[in-house]
Structure formats: structure tokens, C-alpha cells
Amino acid sequence: MKIDSGIYISDKAKERVEILLKEEGRTAAHFLRVSVVSGGCSGLSYKMDFDTTMKPTDQVFEDKGMKIVTDFKSVLYLFNTMLDYSEGLNGKGFHFINPNASRTCACGESFSV
């Protein structure tokens, strides 16, 4: 199922994902898979990977021409979340700006709702 909005990607994150796709020799068949898994100091953690296999219950989002896929369970935690990328002094890497999170840990790697 394709949904027009719901999980978003910033320009910086999209640029970095495209660089990683190229560096890793990924093809146009690859898409960005994001999900939520149990773990981390706040109870839930983000997971991000490249994938080529769609599952029957996957939810498909598209933002800025980037295909973002998540499983049916994770979409409940990720709806209206922005994937961003930072190269600042506070840490280089991807991070999620999630309005559904009621609490995040100090490192920003996990959250709770």
C-alpha cells in the first residue's frame, strides 16, 4: 500500500542516503526500510536498512522522490516522523524527529511512547 505522506526525509538525509546507496553499489531496486524494534534504554529503538524485498503488510511512503518502507507495526510509532542527518559537533549521523515519542534517551537512539 502506497501512502503519499507520513514518514518524511530531510534534504540532508536524502542526500546522505543517496551517497550511501552509491558507495555500497546498491541499485535502483533498493529502497530505504525504517522500523521500530524493542530495545535501548527507553524501550524502543529505530532501525534503518536498505532492502529490495517488499512484505505483504509493508507500508510505502514517498517523500522528495525517496521511497521509504516500513512494516505495519512500526508505522504506528513512525507516522509523521522526519528522518534527518547531521554532521554537527553533537554527533554525526541519522536521527529521527518523532512527534509520537513521549520520551527519548540522552543519546537519542531510543524512545518511548
PDB file of N, CA and C in Angstrom:
ATOM      1  N   MET A   1       0.843  -1.176   0.000  1.00  0.00           N
ATOM      2  CA  MET A   1       0.000   0.000   0.000  1.00  0.00           C
ATOM      3  C   MET A   1       0.890   1.241   0.000  1.00  0.00           C
ATOM      4  N   LYS A   2       0.705   2.152  -0.929  1.00  0.00           N
ATOM      5  CA  LYS A   2       1.475   3.385  -1.009  1.00  0.00           C
ATOM      6  C   LYS A   2       0.674   4.521  -0.381  1.00  0.00           C
ATOM      7  N   ILE A   3       1.325   5.241   0.522  1.00  0.00           N
ATOM      8  CA  ILE A   3       0.703   6.376   1.182  1.00  0.00           C
ATOM      9  C   ILE A   3       1.525   7.610   0.818  1.00  0.00           C
ATOM     10  N   ASP A   4       0.865   8.723   0.486  1.00  0.00           N
ATOM     11  CA  ASP A   4       1.572   9.895  -0.005  1.00  0.00           C
ATOM     12  C   ASP A   4       2.405  10.617   1.049  1.00  0.00           C
ATOM     13  N   SER A   5       2.033  10.545   2.314  1.00  0.00           N
ATOM     14  CA  SER A   5       2.802  11.208   3.350  1.00  0.00           C
ATOM     15  C   SER A   5       2.737  10.392   4.622  1.00  0.00           C
ATOM     16  N   GLY A   6       3.554  10.733   5.581  1.00  0.00           N
ATOM     17  CA  GLY A   6       3.533  10.003   6.836  1.00  0.00           C
ATOM     18  C   GLY A   6       4.900   9.846   7.436  1.00  0.00           C
ATOM     19  N   ILE A   7       5.881   9.433   6.654  1.00  0.00           N
ATOM     20  CA  ILE A   7       7.273   9.406   7.077  1.00  0.00           C
ATOM     21  C   ILE A   7       8.024  10.286   6.089  1.00  0.00           C
ATOM     22  N   TYR A   8       8.755  11.239   6.633  1.00  0.00           N
ATOM     23  CA  TYR A   8       9.409  12.241   5.797  1.00  0.00           C
ATOM     24  C   TYR A   8      10.923  12.122   5.894  1.00  0.00           C
ATOM     25  N   ILE A   9      11.614  12.699   4.919  1.00  0.00           N
ATOM     26  CA  ILE A   9      13.069  12.709   4.908  1.00  0.00           C
ATOM     27  C   ILE A   9      13.531  14.128   4.605  1.00  0.00           C
ATOM     28  N   SER A  10      14.505  14.606   5.375  1.00  0.00           N
ATOM     29  CA  SER A  10      15.037  15.951   5.133  1.00  0.00           C
ATOM     30  C   SER A  10      15.940  15.921   3.903  1.00  0.00           C
ATOM     31  N   ASP A  11      16.217  17.088   3.365  1.00  0.00           N
ATOM     32  CA  ASP A  11      17.113  17.178   2.210  1.00  0.00           C
ATOM     33  C   ASP A  11      18.488  16.601   2.538  1.00  0.00           C
ATOM     34  N   LYS A  12      19.008  16.906   3.735  1.00  0.00           N
ATOM     35  CA  LYS A  12      20.330  16.408   4.156  1.00  0.00           C
ATOM     36  C   LYS A  12      20.337  14.882   4.250  1.00  0.00           C
ATOM     37  N   ALA A  13      19.271  14.322   4.832  1.00  0.00           N
ATOM     38  CA  ALA A  13      19.195  12.868   4.972  1.00  0.00           C
ATOM     39  C   ALA A  13      19.067  12.200   3.609  1.00  0.00           C
ATOM     40  N   LYS A  14      18.264  12.773   2.734  1.00  0.00           N
ATOM     41  CA  LYS A  14      18.099  12.209   1.393  1.00  0.00           C
ATOM     42  C   LYS A  14      19.437  12.208   0.653  1.00  0.00           C
ATOM     43  N   GLU A  15      20.160  13.306   0.751  1.00  0.00           N
ATOM     44  CA  GLU A  15      21.475  13.411   0.104  1.00  0.00           C
ATOM     45  C   GLU A  15      22.422  12.338   0.639  1.00  0.00           C
ATOM     46  N   ARG A  16      22.423  12.133   1.952  1.00  0.00           N
ATOM     47  CA  ARG A  16      23.313  11.141   2.565  1.00  0.00           C
ATOM     48  C   ARG A  16      22.902   9.721   2.177  1.00  0.00           C
ATOM     49  N   VAL A  17      21.603   9.433   2.136  1.00  0.00           N
ATOM     50  CA  VAL A  17      21.123   8.113   1.732  1.00  0.00           C
ATOM     51  C   VAL A  17      21.552   7.828   0.291  1.00  0.00           C
ATOM     52  N   GLU A  18      21.431   8.824  -0.585  1.00  0.00           N
ATOM     53  CA  GLU A  18      21.842   8.636  -1.983  1.00  0.00           C
ATOM     54  C   GLU A  18      23.337   8.360  -2.086  1.00  0.00           C
ATOM     55  N   ILE A  19      24.140   9.027  -1.269  1.00  0.00           N
ATOM     56  CA  ILE A  19      25.590   8.783  -1.248  1.00  0.00           C
ATOM     57  C   ILE A  19      25.875   7.349  -0.801  1.00  0.00           C
ATOM     58  N   LEU A  20      25.206   6.910   0.260  1.00  0.00           N
ATOM     59  CA  LEU A  20      25.410   5.551   0.766  1.00  0.00           C
ATOM     60  C   LEU A  20      24.985   4.501  -0.251  1.00  0.00           C
ATOM     61  N   LEU A  21      23.862   4.729  -0.922  1.00  0.00           N
ATOM     62  CA  LEU A  21      23.412   3.800  -1.963  1.00  0.00           C
ATOM     63  C   LEU A  21      24.482   3.636  -3.033  1.00  0.00           C
ATOM     64  N   LYS A  22      25.064   4.752  -3.450  1.00  0.00           N
ATOM     65  CA  LYS A  22      26.090   4.726  -4.490  1.00  0.00           C
ATOM     66  C   LYS A  22      27.370   4.064  -3.983  1.00  0.00           C
ATOM     67  N   GLU A  23      27.817   4.451  -2.777  1.00  0.00           N
ATOM     68  CA  GLU A  23      29.050   3.894  -2.214  1.00  0.00           C
ATOM     69  C   GLU A  23      28.962   2.386  -2.014  1.00  0.00           C
ATOM     70  N   GLU A  24      27.784   1.912  -1.659  1.00  0.00           N
ATOM     71  CA  GLU A  24      27.600   0.484  -1.401  1.00  0.00           C
ATOM     72  C   GLU A  24      27.213  -0.294  -2.652  1.00  0.00           C
ATOM     73  N   GLY A  25      27.162   0.389  -3.806  1.00  0.00           N
ATOM     74  CA  GLY A  25      26.848  -0.284  -5.063  1.00  0.00           C
ATOM     75  C   GLY A  25      25.420  -0.785  -5.147  1.00  0.00           C
ATOM     76  N   ARG A  26      24.512  -0.123  -4.462  1.00  0.00           N
ATOM     77  CA  ARG A  26      23.103  -0.529  -4.491  1.00  0.00           C
ATOM     78  C   ARG A  26      22.479  -0.083  -5.812  1.00  0.00           C
ATOM     79  N   THR A  27      21.405  -0.764  -6.196  1.00  0.00           N
ATOM     80  CA  THR A  27      20.739  -0.466  -7.463  1.00  0.00           C
ATOM     81  C   THR A  27      19.473   0.342  -7.225  1.00  0.00           C
ATOM     82  N   ALA A  28      18.804   0.701  -8.306  1.00  0.00           N
ATOM     83  CA  ALA A  28      17.537   1.439  -8.223  1.00  0.00           C
ATOM     84  C   ALA A  28      16.443   0.594  -7.584  1.00  0.00           C
ATOM     85  N   ALA A  29      16.658  -0.720  -7.491  1.00  0.00           N
ATOM     86  CA  ALA A  29      15.676  -1.609  -6.865  1.00  0.00           C
ATOM     87  C   ALA A  29      15.691  -1.480  -5.339  1.00  0.00           C
ATOM     88  N   HIS A  30      16.739  -0.903  -4.791  1.00  0.00           N
ATOM     89  CA  HIS A  30      16.840  -0.757  -3.336  1.00  0.00           C
ATOM     90  C   HIS A  30      16.008   0.425  -2.844  1.00  0.00           C
ATOM     91  N   PHE A  31      15.448   0.243  -1.673  1.00  0.00           N
ATOM     92  CA  PHE A  31      14.704   1.321  -1.024  1.00  0.00           C
ATOM     93  C   PHE A  31      15.135   1.385   0.435  1.00  0.00           C
ATOM     94  N   LEU A  32      14.742   2.456   1.096  1.00  0.00           N
ATOM     95  CA  LEU A  32      15.076   2.665   2.490  1.00  0.00           C
ATOM     96  C   LEU A  32      13.994   2.035   3.362  1.00  0.00           C
ATOM     97  N   ARG A  33      14.401   1.114   4.225  1.00  0.00           N
ATOM     98  CA  ARG A  33      13.470   0.484   5.158  1.00  0.00           C
ATOM     99  C   ARG A  33      13.768   1.027   6.551  1.00  0.00           C
ATOM    100  N   VAL A  34      12.752   1.581   7.205  1.00  0.00           N
ATOM    101  CA  VAL A  34      12.877   2.043   8.583  1.00  0.00           C
ATOM    102  C   VAL A  34      11.886   1.269   9.433  1.00  0.00           C
ATOM    103  N   SER A  35      12.268   0.996  10.659  1.00  0.00           N
ATOM    104  CA  SER A  35      11.379   0.260  11.547  1.00  0.00           C
ATOM    105  C   SER A  35      11.692   0.591  12.996  1.00  0.00           C
ATOM    106  N   VAL A  36      10.830   0.117  13.855  1.00  0.00           N
ATOM    107  CA  VAL A  36      10.984   0.277  15.294  1.00  0.00           C
ATOM    108  C   VAL A  36      11.102  -1.118  15.885  1.00  0.00           C
ATOM    109  N   VAL A  37      12.121  -1.315  16.722  1.00  0.00           N
ATOM    110  CA  VAL A  37      12.338  -2.604  17.371  1.00  0.00           C
ATOM    111  C   VAL A  37      12.449  -2.392  18.883  1.00  0.00           C
ATOM    112  N   SER A  38      12.191  -3.432  19.641  1.00  0.00           N
ATOM    113  CA  SER A  38      12.347  -3.353  21.091  1.00  0.00           C
ATOM    114  C   SER A  38      13.821  -3.237  21.430  1.00  0.00           C
ATOM    115  N   GLY A  39      14.117  -2.373  22.406  1.00  0.00           N
ATOM    116  CA  GLY A  39      15.498  -2.238  22.849  1.00  0.00           C
ATOM    117  C   GLY A  39      15.856  -0.809  23.179  1.00  0.00           C
ATOM    118  N   GLY A  40      17.051  -0.623  23.635  1.00  0.00           N
ATOM    119  CA  GLY A  40      17.517   0.701  24.011  1.00  0.00           C
ATOM    120  C   GLY A  40      17.074   1.063  25.414  1.00  0.00           C
ATOM    121  N   CYS A  41      17.630   2.124  25.956  1.00  0.00           N
ATOM    122  CA  CYS A  41      17.336   2.491  27.345  1.00  0.00           C
ATOM    123  C   CYS A  41      15.926   3.024  27.546  1.00  0.00           C
ATOM    124  N   SER A  42      15.257   3.452  26.480  1.00  0.00           N
ATOM    125  CA  SER A  42      13.886   3.950  26.629  1.00  0.00           C
ATOM    126  C   SER A  42      12.837   2.939  26.181  1.00  0.00           C
ATOM    127  N   GLY A  43      13.254   1.781  25.692  1.00  0.00           N
ATOM    128  CA  GLY A  43      12.316   0.719  25.356  1.00  0.00           C
ATOM    129  C   GLY A  43      12.151   0.405  23.880  1.00  0.00           C
ATOM    130  N   LEU A  44      12.272   1.420  23.019  1.00  0.00           N
ATOM    131  CA  LEU A  44      12.128   1.214  21.576  1.00  0.00           C
ATOM    132  C   LEU A  44      13.295   1.871  20.852  1.00  0.00           C
ATOM    133  N   SER A  45      13.780   1.238  19.796  1.00  0.00           N
ATOM    134  CA  SER A  45      14.890   1.780  19.007  1.00  0.00           C
ATOM    135  C   SER A  45      14.518   1.832  17.532  1.00  0.00           C
ATOM    136  N   TYR A  46      15.173   2.726  16.828  1.00  0.00           N
ATOM    137  CA  TYR A  46      14.977   2.846  15.384  1.00  0.00           C
ATOM    138  C   TYR A  46      15.945   1.909  14.669  1.00  0.00           C
ATOM    139  N   LYS A  47      15.493   1.373  13.561  1.00  0.00           N
ATOM    140  CA  LYS A  47      16.344   0.542  12.715  1.00  0.00           C
ATOM    141  C   LYS A  47      16.201   1.050  11.286  1.00  0.00           C
ATOM    142  N   MET A  48      17.305   1.111  10.576  1.00  0.00           N
ATOM    143  CA  MET A  48      17.303   1.628   9.214  1.00  0.00           C
ATOM    144  C   MET A  48      18.217   0.757   8.364  1.00  0.00           C
ATOM    145  N   ASP A  49      17.732   0.360   7.187  1.00  0.00           N
ATOM    146  CA  ASP A  49      18.474  -0.521   6.287  1.00  0.00           C
ATOM    147  C   ASP A  49      18.071  -0.254   4.852  1.00  0.00           C
ATOM    148  N   PHE A  50      18.841  -0.819   3.934  1.00  0.00           N
ATOM    149  CA  PHE A  50      18.427  -0.854   2.536  1.00  0.00           C
ATOM    150  C   PHE A  50      17.837  -2.230   2.284  1.00  0.00           C
ATOM    151  N   ASP A  51      16.820  -2.286   1.435  1.00  0.00           N
ATOM    152  CA  ASP A  51      16.136  -3.546   1.184  1.00  0.00           C
ATOM    153  C   ASP A  51      15.652  -3.550  -0.264  1.00  0.00           C
ATOM    154  N   THR A  52      15.336  -4.744  -0.760  1.00  0.00           N
ATOM    155  CA  THR A  52      14.756  -4.880  -2.098  1.00  0.00           C
ATOM    156  C   THR A  52      13.485  -5.728  -2.070  1.00  0.00           C
ATOM    157  N   THR A  53      13.157  -6.281  -0.906  1.00  0.00           N
ATOM    158  CA  THR A  53      12.035  -7.200  -0.798  1.00  0.00           C
ATOM    159  C   THR A  53      10.879  -6.569  -0.031  1.00  0.00           C
ATOM    160  N   MET A  54       9.746  -6.481  -0.694  1.00  0.00           N
ATOM    161  CA  MET A  54       8.532  -5.973  -0.056  1.00  0.00           C
ATOM    162  C   MET A  54       7.812  -7.127   0.630  1.00  0.00           C
ATOM    163  N   LYS A  55       7.254  -6.836   1.795  1.00  0.00           N
ATOM    164  CA  LYS A  55       6.454  -7.813   2.525  1.00  0.00           C
ATOM    165  C   LYS A  55       4.979  -7.450   2.348  1.00  0.00           C
ATOM    166  N   PRO A  56       4.077  -8.414   2.466  1.00  0.00           N
ATOM    167  CA  PRO A  56       2.652  -8.155   2.192  1.00  0.00           C
ATOM    168  C   PRO A  56       2.041  -7.016   3.005  1.00  0.00           C
ATOM    169  N   THR A  57       2.490  -6.808   4.230  1.00  0.00           N
ATOM    170  CA  THR A  57       1.878  -5.773   5.068  1.00  0.00           C
ATOM    171  C   THR A  57       2.709  -4.479   5.129  1.00  0.00           C
ATOM    172  N   ASP A  58       3.738  -4.368   4.284  1.00  0.00           N
ATOM    173  CA  ASP A  58       4.559  -3.161   4.277  1.00  0.00           C
ATOM    174  C   ASP A  58       3.746  -1.924   3.909  1.00  0.00           C
ATOM    175  N   GLN A  59       4.108  -0.824   4.523  1.00  0.00           N
ATOM    176  CA  GLN A  59       3.521   0.477   4.217  1.00  0.00           C
ATOM    177  C   GLN A  59       4.584   1.260   3.442  1.00  0.00           C
ATOM    178  N   VAL A  60       4.211   1.840   2.326  1.00  0.00           N
ATOM    179  CA  VAL A  60       5.154   2.531   1.456  1.00  0.00           C
ATOM    180  C   VAL A  60       4.855   4.027   1.467  1.00  0.00           C
ATOM    181  N   PHE A  61       5.896   4.805   1.738  1.00  0.00           N
ATOM    182  CA  PHE A  61       5.791   6.260   1.739  1.00  0.00           C
ATOM    183  C   PHE A  61       6.767   6.801   0.708  1.00  0.00           C
ATOM    184  N   GLU A  62       6.496   7.991   0.218  1.00  0.00           N
ATOM    185  CA  GLU A  62       7.427   8.639  -0.698  1.00  0.00           C
ATOM    186  C   GLU A  62       7.518  10.105  -0.327  1.00  0.00           C
ATOM    187  N   ASP A  63       8.755  10.575  -0.164  1.00  0.00           N
ATOM    188  CA  ASP A  63       8.991  11.975   0.125  1.00  0.00           C
ATOM    189  C   ASP A  63      10.236  12.414  -0.633  1.00  0.00           C
ATOM    190  N   LYS A  64      10.119  13.520  -1.332  1.00  0.00           N
ATOM    191  CA  LYS A  64      11.230  14.073  -2.118  1.00  0.00           C
ATOM    192  C   LYS A  64      11.805  13.050  -3.104  1.00  0.00           C
ATOM    193  N   GLY A  65      10.933  12.179  -3.620  1.00  0.00           N
ATOM    194  CA  GLY A  65      11.364  11.182  -4.584  1.00  0.00           C
ATOM    195  C   GLY A  65      12.037   9.965  -3.966  1.00  0.00           C
ATOM    196  N   MET A  66      12.099   9.899  -2.643  1.00  0.00           N
ATOM    197  CA  MET A  66      12.733   8.780  -1.933  1.00  0.00           C
ATOM    198  C   MET A  66      11.647   7.825  -1.449  1.00  0.00           C
ATOM    199  N   LYS A  67      11.800   6.551  -1.779  1.00  0.00           N
ATOM    200  CA  LYS A  67      10.859   5.520  -1.334  1.00  0.00           C
ATOM    201  C   LYS A  67      11.277   5.059   0.058  1.00  0.00           C
ATOM    202  N   ILE A  68      10.334   5.171   1.008  1.00  0.00           N
ATOM    203  CA  ILE A  68      10.583   4.785   2.395  1.00  0.00           C
ATOM    204  C   ILE A  68       9.541   3.742   2.767  1.00  0.00           C
ATOM    205  N   VAL A  69       9.996   2.590   3.233  1.00  0.00           N
ATOM    206  CA  VAL A  69       9.107   1.472   3.528  1.00  0.00           C
ATOM    207  C   VAL A  69       9.234   1.114   5.009  1.00  0.00           C
ATOM    208  N   THR A  70       8.105   0.780   5.616  1.00  0.00           N
ATOM    209  CA  THR A  70       8.106   0.316   6.997  1.00  0.00           C
ATOM    210  C   THR A  70       7.088  -0.798   7.158  1.00  0.00           C
ATOM    211  N   ASP A  71       7.256  -1.584   8.194  1.00  0.00           N
ATOM    212  CA  ASP A  71       6.298  -2.652   8.452  1.00  0.00           C
ATOM    213  C   ASP A  71       5.046  -2.069   9.113  1.00  0.00           C
ATOM    214  N   PHE A  72       3.985  -2.850   9.112  1.00  0.00           N
ATOM    215  CA  PHE A  72       2.684  -2.381   9.592  1.00  0.00           C
ATOM    216  C   PHE A  72       2.727  -1.963  11.059  1.00  0.00           C
ATOM    217  N   LYS A  73       3.466  -2.698  11.891  1.00  0.00           N
ATOM    218  CA  LYS A  73       3.556  -2.374  13.315  1.00  0.00           C
ATOM    219  C   LYS A  73       4.320  -1.072  13.541  1.00  0.00           C
ATOM    220  N   SER A  74       5.409  -0.874  12.828  1.00  0.00           N
ATOM    221  CA  SER A  74       6.260   0.305  13.030  1.00  0.00           C
ATOM    222  C   SER A  74       5.585   1.595  12.606  1.00  0.00           C
ATOM    223  N   VAL A  75       4.704   1.534  11.627  1.00  0.00           N
ATOM    224  CA  VAL A  75       4.069   2.752  11.129  1.00  0.00           C
ATOM    225  C   VAL A  75       3.302   3.463  12.243  1.00  0.00           C
ATOM    226  N   LEU A  76       2.808   2.718  13.207  1.00  0.00           N
ATOM    227  CA  LEU A  76       2.089   3.317  14.330  1.00  0.00           C
ATOM    228  C   LEU A  76       2.998   4.226  15.161  1.00  0.00           C
ATOM    229  N   TYR A  77       4.284   3.868  15.250  1.00  0.00           N
ATOM    230  CA  TYR A  77       5.252   4.656  16.004  1.00  0.00           C
ATOM    231  C   TYR A  77       5.906   5.750  15.157  1.00  0.00           C
ATOM    232  N   LEU A  78       5.925   5.560  13.848  1.00  0.00           N
ATOM    233  CA  LEU A  78       6.694   6.445  12.961  1.00  0.00           C
ATOM    234  C   LEU A  78       5.878   7.474  12.199  1.00  0.00           C
ATOM    235  N   PHE A  79       4.552   7.416  12.288  1.00  0.00           N
ATOM    236  CA  PHE A  79       3.745   8.328  11.492  1.00  0.00           C
ATOM    237  C   PHE A  79       4.079   9.783  11.817  1.00  0.00           C
ATOM    238  N   ASN A  80       4.297  10.579  10.785  1.00  0.00           N
ATOM    239  CA  ASN A  80       4.694  11.996  10.862  1.00  0.00           C
ATOM    240  C   ASN A  80       6.102  12.211  11.390  1.00  0.00           C
ATOM    241  N   THR A  81       6.944  11.190  11.298  1.00  0.00           N
ATOM    242  CA  THR A  81       8.340  11.284  11.730  1.00  0.00           C
ATOM    243  C   THR A  81       9.206  11.760  10.574  1.00  0.00           C
ATOM    244  N   MET A  82      10.206  12.564  10.903  1.00  0.00           N
ATOM    245  CA  MET A  82      11.170  13.069   9.922  1.00  0.00           C
ATOM    246  C   MET A  82      12.520  12.396  10.158  1.00  0.00           C
ATOM    247  N   LEU A  83      13.076  11.802   9.115  1.00  0.00           N
ATOM    248  CA  LEU A  83      14.438  11.283   9.166  1.00  0.00           C
ATOM    249  C   LEU A  83      15.359  12.419   8.773  1.00  0.00           C
ATOM    250  N   ASP A  84      16.320  12.719   9.629  1.00  0.00           N
ATOM    251  CA  ASP A  84      17.247  13.824   9.381  1.00  0.00           C
ATOM    252  C   ASP A  84      18.674  13.311   9.474  1.00  0.00           C
ATOM    253  N   TYR A  85      19.608  14.128   9.023  1.00  0.00           N
ATOM    254  CA  TYR A  85      21.027  13.789   9.079  1.00  0.00           C
ATOM    255  C   TYR A  85      21.795  15.011   9.539  1.00  0.00           C
ATOM    256  N   SER A  86      22.736  14.796  10.437  1.00  0.00           N
ATOM    257  CA  SER A  86      23.517  15.897  10.984  1.00  0.00           C
ATOM    258  C   SER A  86      25.001  15.577  10.903  1.00  0.00           C
ATOM    259  N   GLU A  87      25.781  16.601  10.640  1.00  0.00           N
ATOM    260  CA  GLU A  87      27.242  16.458  10.653  1.00  0.00           C
ATOM    261  C   GLU A  87      27.851  17.356  11.721  1.00  0.00           C
ATOM    262  N   GLY A  88      27.043  17.761  12.690  1.00  0.00           N
ATOM    263  CA  GLY A  88      27.462  18.721  13.700  1.00  0.00           C
ATOM    264  C   GLY A  88      28.367  18.147  14.770  1.00  0.00           C
ATOM    265  N   LEU A  89      28.759  19.014  15.683  1.00  0.00           N
ATOM    266  CA  LEU A  89      29.629  18.637  16.785  1.00  0.00           C
ATOM    267  C   LEU A  89      28.945  17.703  17.772  1.00  0.00           C
ATOM    268  N   ASN A  90      27.633  17.733  17.820  1.00  0.00           N
ATOM    269  CA  ASN A  90      26.892  16.884  18.752  1.00  0.00           C
ATOM    270  C   ASN A  90      26.740  15.455  18.256  1.00  0.00           C
ATOM    271  N   GLY A  91      27.353  15.142  17.168  1.00  0.00           N
ATOM    272  CA  GLY A  91      27.272  13.784  16.653  1.00  0.00           C
ATOM    273  C   GLY A  91      26.860  13.753  15.203  1.00  0.00           C
ATOM    274  N   LYS A  92      27.590  12.958  14.451  1.00  0.00           N
ATOM    275  CA  LYS A  92      27.332  12.813  13.029  1.00  0.00           C
ATOM    276  C   LYS A  92      26.449  11.592  12.826  1.00  0.00           C
ATOM    277  N   GLY A  93      25.423  11.742  12.003  1.00  0.00           N
ATOM    278  CA  GLY A  93      24.614  10.584  11.674  1.00  0.00           C
ATOM    279  C   GLY A  93      23.144  10.899  11.501  1.00  0.00           C
ATOM    280  N   PHE A  94      22.401   9.839  11.252  1.00  0.00           N
ATOM    281  CA  PHE A  94      20.962   9.946  11.070  1.00  0.00           C
ATOM    282  C   PHE A  94      20.280  10.028  12.428  1.00  0.00           C
ATOM    283  N   HIS A  95      19.203  10.776  12.483  1.00  0.00           N
ATOM    284  CA  HIS A  95      18.365  10.790  13.675  1.00  0.00           C
ATOM    285  C   HIS A  95      16.921  11.028  13.253  1.00  0.00           C
ATOM    286  N   PHE A  96      16.018  10.579  14.101  1.00  0.00           N
ATOM    287  CA  PHE A  96      14.593  10.661  13.825  1.00  0.00           C
ATOM    288  C   PHE A  96      13.970  11.761  14.681  1.00  0.00           C
ATOM    289  N   ILE A  97      13.198  12.617  14.044  1.00  0.00           N
ATOM    290  CA  ILE A  97      12.429  13.637  14.751  1.00  0.00           C
ATOM    291  C   ILE A  97      11.005  13.097  14.799  1.00  0.00           C
ATOM    292  N   ASN A  98      10.653  12.544  15.959  1.00  0.00           N
ATOM    293  CA  ASN A  98       9.417  11.786  16.084  1.00  0.00           C
ATOM    294  C   ASN A  98       8.447  12.472  17.041  1.00  0.00           C
ATOM    295  N   PRO A  99       7.354  13.053  16.523  1.00  0.00           N
ATOM    296  CA  PRO A  99       6.382  13.717  17.388  1.00  0.00           C
ATOM    297  C   PRO A  99       5.589  12.741  18.262  1.00  0.00           C
ATOM    298  N   ASN A 100       5.676  11.449  17.982  1.00  0.00           N
ATOM    299  CA  ASN A 100       4.961  10.440  18.753  1.00  0.00           C
ATOM    300  C   ASN A 100       5.716  10.015  20.012  1.00  0.00           C
ATOM    301  N   ALA A 101       6.993  10.344  20.082  1.00  0.00           N
ATOM    302  CA  ALA A 101       7.822   9.933  21.218  1.00  0.00           C
ATOM    303  C   ALA A 101       7.527  10.823  22.428  1.00  0.00           C
ATOM    304  N   SER A 102       7.180  10.209  23.534  1.00  0.00           N
ATOM    305  CA  SER A 102       6.929  10.980  24.750  1.00  0.00           C
ATOM    306  C   SER A 102       8.217  11.181  25.533  1.00  0.00           C
ATOM    307  N   ARG A 103       9.207  10.313  25.285  1.00  0.00           N
ATOM    308  CA  ARG A 103      10.479  10.404  25.977  1.00  0.00           C
ATOM    309  C   ARG A 103      11.566   9.792  25.096  1.00  0.00           C
ATOM    310  N   THR A 104      12.746  10.401  25.098  1.00  0.00           N
ATOM    311  CA  THR A 104      13.888   9.837  24.387  1.00  0.00           C
ATOM    312  C   THR A 104      15.044   9.728  25.363  1.00  0.00           C
ATOM    313  N   CYS A 105      15.973   8.844  25.049  1.00  0.00           N
ATOM    314  CA  CYS A 105      17.140   8.723  25.910  1.00  0.00           C
ATOM    315  C   CYS A 105      18.128   9.841  25.574  1.00  0.00           C
ATOM    316  N   ALA A 106      19.134  10.001  26.389  1.00  0.00           N
ATOM    317  CA  ALA A 106      20.093  11.092  26.209  1.00  0.00           C
ATOM    318  C   ALA A 106      20.839  11.001  24.887  1.00  0.00           C
ATOM    319  N   CYS A 107      21.113   9.797  24.419  1.00  0.00           N
ATOM    320  CA  CYS A 107      21.864   9.651  23.158  1.00  0.00           C
ATOM    321  C   CYS A 107      20.968   9.785  21.939  1.00  0.00           C
ATOM    322  N   GLY A 108      19.638   9.733  22.137  1.00  0.00           N
ATOM    323  CA  GLY A 108      18.713   9.867  21.014  1.00  0.00           C
ATOM    324  C   GLY A 108      18.508   8.611  20.208  1.00  0.00           C
ATOM    325  N   GLU A 109      19.065   7.489  20.670  1.00  0.00           N
ATOM    326  CA  GLU A 109      18.957   6.241  19.928  1.00  0.00           C
ATOM    327  C   GLU A 109      17.681   5.457  20.222  1.00  0.00           C
ATOM    328  N   SER A 110      17.019   5.775  21.345  1.00  0.00           N
ATOM    329  CA  SER A 110      15.796   5.058  21.677  1.00  0.00           C
ATOM    330  C   SER A 110      14.751   6.017  22.210  1.00  0.00           C
ATOM    331  N   PHE A 111      13.510   5.524  22.278  1.00  0.00           N
ATOM    332  CA  PHE A 111      12.400   6.374  22.692  1.00  0.00           C
ATOM    333  C   PHE A 111      11.296   5.526  23.302  1.00  0.00           C
ATOM    334  N   SER A 112      10.315   6.203  23.879  1.00  0.00           N
ATOM    335  CA  SER A 112       9.107   5.531  24.356  1.00  0.00           C
ATOM    336  C   SER A 112       7.911   6.395  23.980  1.00  0.00           C
ATOM    337  N   VAL A 113       6.739   5.769  23.969  1.00  0.00           N
ATOM    338  CA  VAL A 113       5.512   6.490  23.634  1.00  0.00           C
ATOM    339  C   VAL A 113       4.546   6.441  24.798  1.00  0.00           C
TER     340      VAL A 113
END
